[in-house]
Protein backbone atom coordinates (compact mmCIF):
# COMPACT_ATOMS: atom_id res chain seq x y z
CA MET A 1 -25.77 -7.23 14.81
CA THR A 2 -23.50 -4.39 13.70
CA ILE A 3 -19.84 -4.52 12.71
CA ARG A 4 -17.71 -1.40 13.04
CA CYS A 5 -15.68 -1.21 9.86
CA TRP A 6 -13.07 1.39 10.69
CA HIS A 7 -10.85 -1.13 12.43
CA LEU A 8 -10.12 -2.90 9.12
CA PRO A 9 -8.00 -0.18 7.42
CA TRP A 10 -6.12 0.40 10.67
CA ALA A 11 -5.43 -3.32 11.03
CA THR A 12 -4.33 -3.48 7.38
CA ALA A 13 -1.95 -0.55 7.83
CA LEU A 14 -0.53 -2.10 11.01
CA LEU A 15 -0.04 -5.46 9.29
CA LEU A 16 1.80 -3.84 6.37
CA LEU A 17 4.07 -1.78 8.62
CA ALA A 18 4.75 -4.68 10.98
CA THR A 19 5.56 -7.08 8.12
CA LEU A 20 7.94 -4.71 6.35
CA HIS A 21 9.85 -3.58 9.43
CA THR A 22 9.93 -6.98 11.13
CA SER A 23 11.33 -8.54 7.96
CA PHE A 24 13.94 -5.78 7.73
CA ALA A 25 14.93 -6.27 11.39
CA ILE A 26 15.20 -10.05 11.07
CA THR A 27 17.31 -9.72 7.92
CA GLY A 28 19.69 -7.47 9.84
CA TRP A 29 19.80 -9.65 12.96
CA GLU A 30 20.57 -12.74 10.91
CA GLY A 31 23.49 -10.95 9.27
CA PHE A 32 22.24 -10.85 5.68
CA ILE A 33 22.63 -7.04 5.53
CA SER A 34 24.57 -4.28 7.22
CA TRP A 35 22.34 -2.07 9.37
CA CYS A 36 21.12 1.07 7.63
CA ASN A 37 18.16 3.44 7.51
CA PRO A 38 15.72 2.14 4.86
CA TYR A 39 14.18 5.61 4.52
CA TRP A 40 17.54 7.12 3.51
CA ALA A 41 20.10 6.55 0.77
CA ASP A 42 22.30 3.48 0.35
CA CYS A 43 20.04 0.97 2.10
CA ILE A 44 18.20 -2.13 0.93
CA SER A 45 14.94 -2.50 -0.97
CA ILE A 46 11.74 -3.88 0.51
CA SER A 47 12.24 -6.96 -1.65
CA HIS A 48 15.73 -7.58 -0.26
CA SER A 49 14.42 -7.39 3.30
CA GLY A 50 12.09 -10.32 2.72
CA ARG A 51 14.04 -12.83 0.69
CA HIS A 52 16.52 -14.39 3.17
CA GLY A 53 16.28 -16.62 6.21
CA LEU A 54 13.34 -16.34 8.58
CA ALA A 55 12.33 -13.01 7.02
CA TYR A 56 11.38 -14.91 3.85
CA PHE A 57 8.53 -16.62 5.73
CA VAL A 58 7.57 -13.57 7.81
CA PHE A 59 7.28 -11.42 4.69
CA LYS A 60 5.10 -13.90 2.81
CA GLY A 61 3.04 -14.66 5.91
CA GLY A 62 2.23 -10.98 6.34
CA MET A 63 1.88 -9.73 2.78
CA ILE A 64 -0.47 -12.44 1.50
CA PRO A 65 -3.22 -11.65 4.06
CA ALA A 66 -2.47 -7.93 3.57
CA ALA A 67 -3.32 -8.29 -0.12
CA VAL A 68 -6.66 -9.85 0.82
CA LEU A 69 -7.39 -7.17 3.42
CA LEU A 70 -6.59 -4.41 0.92
CA TRP A 71 -9.09 -5.85 -1.54
CA LEU A 72 -11.68 -6.06 1.24
CA PHE A 73 -10.89 -2.44 2.18
CA TRP A 74 -11.77 -1.24 -1.33
CA TYR A 75 -14.82 -3.48 -1.47
CA LEU A 76 -16.11 -1.88 1.74
CA ASN A 77 -15.36 1.57 0.34
CA THR A 78 -17.99 0.98 -2.34
CA HIS A 79 -20.52 0.31 0.43
CA TRP A 80 -19.35 3.30 2.45
CA LEU A 81 -19.85 5.61 -0.52
CA THR A 82 -23.46 4.47 -0.86
CA THR A 83 -24.08 5.47 2.77
CA ILE A 84 -23.11 9.06 1.89
CA GLY A 85 -25.05 9.07 -1.35
CA GLN A 86 -22.19 8.38 -3.76
CA ARG A 87 -20.91 5.70 -6.11
CA GLN A 88 -17.55 5.27 -7.81
CA ALA A 89 -17.22 2.78 -10.61
CA GLY A 90 -14.02 0.83 -11.01
CA LEU A 91 -12.81 0.67 -7.40
CA ILE A 92 -13.25 -3.09 -7.05
CA ALA A 93 -11.84 -3.91 -10.48
CA ILE A 94 -8.76 -1.77 -9.89
CA ALA A 95 -8.36 -3.17 -6.36
CA SER A 96 -8.56 -6.73 -7.70
CA VAL A 97 -5.68 -6.13 -10.10
CA ALA A 98 -3.65 -4.32 -7.41
CA SER A 99 -4.10 -7.13 -4.86
CA LEU A 100 -3.31 -9.76 -7.48
CA ALA A 101 -0.13 -7.82 -8.35
CA LEU A 102 0.88 -7.83 -4.68
CA LEU A 103 0.25 -11.56 -4.44
CA VAL A 104 2.36 -12.26 -7.53
CA TYR A 105 5.15 -10.02 -6.23
CA THR A 106 5.08 -11.74 -2.83
CA LEU A 107 4.98 -15.29 -4.16
CA VAL A 108 7.89 -14.89 -6.59
CA LEU A 109 10.05 -13.03 -4.07
CA GLY A 110 13.18 -15.03 -3.30
CA HIS A 111 13.33 -16.75 -6.68
CA SER A 112 16.11 -15.86 -9.12
CA GLY A 113 15.93 -15.34 -12.87
CA ASP A 114 14.95 -12.60 -15.30
CA GLY A 115 11.35 -13.79 -15.49
CA PHE A 116 10.85 -13.60 -11.72
CA ARG A 117 12.62 -10.23 -11.62
CA THR A 118 10.23 -8.88 -14.26
CA LEU A 119 7.21 -10.19 -12.35
CA ARG A 120 8.44 -8.51 -9.16
CA ARG A 121 9.00 -5.24 -10.99
CA PHE A 122 5.58 -5.18 -12.61
CA GLY A 123 3.97 -6.41 -9.40
CA VAL A 124 5.25 -3.60 -7.21
CA VAL A 125 4.57 -0.90 -9.83
CA LEU A 126 1.00 -2.08 -10.39
CA PHE A 127 0.37 -2.48 -6.67
CA PHE A 128 1.43 1.04 -5.72
CA GLY A 129 0.12 2.74 -8.86
CA LEU A 130 -3.36 1.21 -8.84
CA ASN A 131 -3.90 1.70 -5.11
CA PHE A 132 -3.04 5.38 -5.42
CA VAL A 133 -5.38 5.67 -8.43
CA ASN A 134 -8.15 4.28 -6.24
CA PHE A 135 -7.43 6.82 -3.52
CA VAL A 136 -7.76 9.61 -6.10
CA LEU A 137 -11.07 8.15 -7.30
CA LEU A 138 -12.26 7.90 -3.70
CA ALA A 139 -11.36 11.54 -3.07
CA LYS A 140 -13.23 12.52 -6.24
CA ALA A 141 -16.35 10.73 -5.02
CA LEU A 142 -16.12 12.41 -1.63
CA PHE A 143 -15.97 15.85 -3.27
CA ARG A 144 -19.25 15.07 -5.01
CA SER A 145 -20.92 14.17 -1.72
CA HIS A 146 -22.79 16.43 0.67
CA GLN A 147 -19.64 16.35 2.85
CA PRO A 148 -16.93 17.53 0.41
CA GLN A 149 -14.64 18.42 3.30
CA LEU A 150 -14.01 14.70 3.73
CA GLY A 151 -12.19 14.62 0.41
CA ARG A 152 -9.90 17.64 0.90
CA VAL A 153 -7.24 16.04 3.06
CA LEU A 154 -7.37 12.84 1.05
CA THR A 155 -6.87 14.82 -2.16
CA ARG A 156 -3.89 16.69 -0.73
CA ALA A 157 -2.34 13.49 0.63
CA SER A 158 -2.84 11.76 -2.71
CA ALA A 159 -1.27 14.73 -4.49
CA VAL A 160 1.77 14.60 -2.20
CA THR A 161 2.12 10.87 -2.81
CA LEU A 162 1.87 11.39 -6.56
CA GLY A 163 4.46 14.17 -6.27
CA VAL A 164 6.89 11.83 -4.50
CA ALA A 165 6.40 9.21 -7.22
CA LEU A 166 7.00 11.81 -9.95
CA ILE A 167 10.11 13.09 -8.21
CA SER A 168 11.35 9.51 -8.10
CA LEU A 169 10.81 9.14 -11.85
CA LEU A 170 12.46 12.50 -12.55
CA LEU A 171 15.54 11.67 -10.49
CA ASP A 172 15.75 8.30 -12.20
CA ALA A 173 15.87 10.07 -15.58
CA LEU A 174 18.34 12.75 -14.46
CA LEU A 175 20.74 10.77 -12.29
CA GLY A 176 21.00 7.51 -14.21
CA ASP A 177 22.95 4.87 -12.31
CA ALA A 178 23.46 7.27 -9.40
CA TYR A 179 19.73 7.04 -8.72
CA ASP A 180 20.25 3.48 -7.49
CA ARG A 181 21.39 4.95 -4.16
CA LEU A 182 17.95 6.58 -3.67
CA GLU A 183 15.52 4.20 -5.37
CA ASN A 184 15.04 1.91 -2.39
CA ALA A 185 14.30 4.80 -0.05
CA PHE A 186 11.50 6.04 -2.33
CA GLU A 187 9.96 2.56 -2.20
CA TRP A 188 9.93 2.62 1.60
CA TRP A 189 8.45 6.14 1.69
CA LEU A 190 5.67 5.20 -0.74
CA SER A 191 4.82 2.21 1.48
CA LEU A 192 4.63 4.50 4.50
CA MET A 193 2.38 6.92 2.61
CA LEU A 194 0.08 4.08 1.61
CA THR A 195 -0.39 3.07 5.23
CA GLY A 196 -1.01 6.71 6.15
CA LEU A 197 -3.82 6.92 3.60
CA LEU A 198 -5.34 3.72 5.00
CA VAL A 199 -5.32 5.17 8.51
CA TYR A 200 -6.92 8.41 7.31
CA VAL A 201 -9.74 6.63 5.48
CA GLY A 202 -10.28 4.59 8.64
CA GLN A 203 -10.73 7.87 10.49
CA LEU A 204 -13.30 8.98 7.90
CA TRP A 205 -15.19 5.71 8.37
CA GLN A 206 -15.19 6.32 12.12
CA HIS A 207 -16.28 9.94 11.65
CA THR A 208 -19.27 8.84 9.57
CA ASP A 209 -19.96 5.85 11.83
CA PHE A 210 -19.69 3.38 8.96
CA ARG A 211 -21.00 -0.02 9.99
CA LEU A 212 -22.23 -3.22 8.42
CA TYR A 213 -25.48 -4.74 9.59
CA SER A 214 -26.15 -8.45 9.56
CA ARG A 215 -29.45 -10.22 9.99
CA ARG A 216 -29.84 -13.00 12.51
């Protein structure tokens, strides 16, 4: 029996996108926010879209399984690399911390207090930062393989993502309080980029016909 693996990153990306945007839409429909474009200035954060009303349950119900699927995605990447003659140490360990950070962020969302705020802050930073580190490590492993072309697009996409994150940090330092108008939009864009990287790796898995085989 064979299991085609490339559906998993696509399903994970779809779950992330659906959870974020459904939560945002519900928050607007229930009147907790004024409608705005989350990918532009002066809109709400991802956290704010999932802490009120029905969206509170939709957000948690989507992000908790997404954290598990993301860990499984990186676990399968270690197996995929072996099929193309490569190994990359640290992927699973980094993915474990990243998924745990997402779980902590999701579970404390909706609770007030400085302690919960700090946990949310560290959770989202660790989640994004460590996942993007893993994508860079994956691209590095692909460059060492006999199919280095597989790593080129992933490297460029990771570089663009890192550039967006650095621009965010630079604007935060230069603009001070005025940066608050843009900070939420950067968070939404980084989420969109993460799902794009998941979809692309899924395409690479399909291109190399990555499958798991089980014995009966």
